[in-house]
């Protein structure tokens, strides 16, 4: 198991997701970049909506929302590269959708 995988499993265990009550707090009005779609999902070619209970704020002050802890951990390994890839994928996946 890699260090990133161990970190992801630790985050899941701390969240209560693995065997207890899901108790993450989602502040009202929080939205993320890419219309709150999970950036890792975007890079994989999927539009996976995230509720922002798992999020990361970049150095530029933008918030990125994730659907799973492993997705967040993977993203954090190379955030600048992943932001560029997710932006390109988001533009491609949402072009032609109403409201995009």
Protein backbone atom coordinates (compact mmCIF):
# COMPACT_ATOMS: atom_id res chain seq x y z
CA UNK A 1 0.00 0.00 0.00
CA UNK A 2 1.38 3.40 -0.94
CA UNK A 3 1.60 6.36 1.44
CA UNK A 4 -1.18 8.12 -0.50
CA UNK A 5 -3.46 5.08 -0.17
CA UNK A 6 -2.77 4.85 3.56
CA UNK A 7 -3.59 8.54 3.93
CA UNK A 8 -6.87 8.05 2.03
CA UNK A 9 -7.89 5.13 4.25
CA UNK A 10 -7.04 7.16 7.37
CA UNK A 11 -9.20 10.04 6.12
CA UNK A 12 -12.13 7.68 5.50
CA UNK A 13 -11.75 6.15 8.95
CA UNK A 14 -11.66 9.58 10.61
CA UNK A 15 -14.77 10.70 8.72
CA UNK A 16 -16.91 7.90 10.11
CA UNK A 17 -17.81 6.76 6.60
CA UNK A 18 -16.44 3.27 7.01
CA UNK A 19 -18.54 2.14 9.94
CA UNK A 20 -20.56 4.82 11.61
CA UNK A 21 -22.64 7.89 11.10
CA UNK A 22 -21.70 10.14 8.19
CA UNK A 23 -21.05 13.35 10.10
CA UNK A 24 -19.35 15.80 7.78
CA UNK A 25 -20.51 19.39 8.01
CA UNK A 26 -21.35 21.16 4.76
CA UNK A 27 -21.55 24.96 5.18
CA UNK A 28 -24.47 26.65 3.44
CA UNK A 29 -23.69 28.20 0.10
CA UNK A 30 -20.38 26.42 -0.47
CA UNK A 31 -19.75 25.66 -4.11
CA UNK A 32 -16.61 24.48 -5.75
CA UNK A 33 -14.81 25.11 -8.97
CA UNK A 34 -16.10 23.21 -11.98
CA UNK A 35 -19.71 23.60 -10.74
CA UNK A 36 -18.79 21.37 -7.75
CA UNK A 37 -17.91 18.38 -9.92
CA UNK A 38 -15.15 16.16 -8.54
CA UNK A 39 -11.92 17.14 -10.38
CA UNK A 40 -10.63 13.55 -10.41
CA UNK A 41 -13.91 12.38 -11.87
CA UNK A 42 -13.60 15.05 -14.55
CA UNK A 43 -10.11 13.84 -15.42
CA UNK A 44 -11.56 10.33 -15.78
CA UNK A 45 -14.23 11.66 -18.14
CA UNK A 46 -17.18 11.64 -15.72
CA UNK A 47 -19.37 14.39 -14.26
CA UNK A 48 -19.52 13.35 -10.59
CA UNK A 49 -21.27 15.95 -8.44
CA UNK A 50 -19.73 16.50 -5.00
CA UNK A 51 -21.48 18.05 -2.00
CA UNK A 52 -18.30 19.83 -0.80
CA UNK A 53 -18.16 17.92 2.49
CA UNK A 54 -14.65 17.00 1.28
CA UNK A 55 -12.92 20.01 -0.16
CA UNK A 56 -9.54 21.61 -0.72
CA UNK A 57 -8.74 25.30 -1.06
CA UNK A 58 -5.96 26.07 -3.49
CA UNK A 59 -3.34 28.77 -3.03
CA UNK A 60 -5.34 30.97 -5.43
CA UNK A 61 -8.29 30.81 -2.97
CA UNK A 62 -10.52 28.58 -5.10
CA UNK A 63 -12.39 25.65 -3.54
CA UNK A 64 -12.38 22.20 -5.13
CA UNK A 65 -14.99 19.65 -3.98
CA UNK A 66 -14.49 15.88 -3.93
CA UNK A 67 -16.89 12.95 -3.83
CA UNK A 68 -14.49 10.62 -1.95
CA UNK A 69 -11.47 10.90 0.33
CA UNK A 70 -9.25 8.87 -2.05
CA UNK A 71 -10.13 11.33 -4.82
CA UNK A 72 -9.01 14.25 -2.63
CA UNK A 73 -5.76 12.52 -1.66
CA UNK A 74 -4.97 11.63 -5.28
CA UNK A 75 -5.65 15.23 -6.34
CA UNK A 76 -3.33 16.63 -3.66
CA UNK A 77 -0.33 14.70 -4.98
CA UNK A 78 -0.01 17.11 -7.94
CA UNK A 79 -2.65 19.84 -7.51
CA UNK A 80 -1.47 22.30 -10.18
CA UNK A 81 -1.30 19.61 -12.85
CA UNK A 82 -4.62 18.15 -11.78
CA UNK A 83 -6.33 21.56 -11.85
CA UNK A 84 -5.18 22.06 -15.45
CA UNK A 85 -6.35 18.59 -16.48
CA UNK A 86 -9.70 18.94 -14.70
CA UNK A 87 -10.30 22.37 -16.26
CA UNK A 88 -9.67 21.01 -19.74
CA UNK A 89 -11.93 18.00 -19.08
CA UNK A 90 -14.67 20.19 -17.58
CA UNK A 91 -14.69 22.45 -20.63
CA UNK A 92 -14.87 19.43 -22.92
CA UNK A 93 -17.56 17.59 -20.93
CA UNK A 94 -19.81 20.62 -20.44
CA UNK A 95 -19.51 22.27 -23.85
CA UNK A 96 -22.91 22.13 -25.45
CA UNK A 97 -24.76 21.54 -22.17
CA UNK A 98 -27.47 24.13 -21.38
CA UNK A 99 -26.16 26.75 -18.97
CA UNK A 100 -22.50 26.05 -19.65
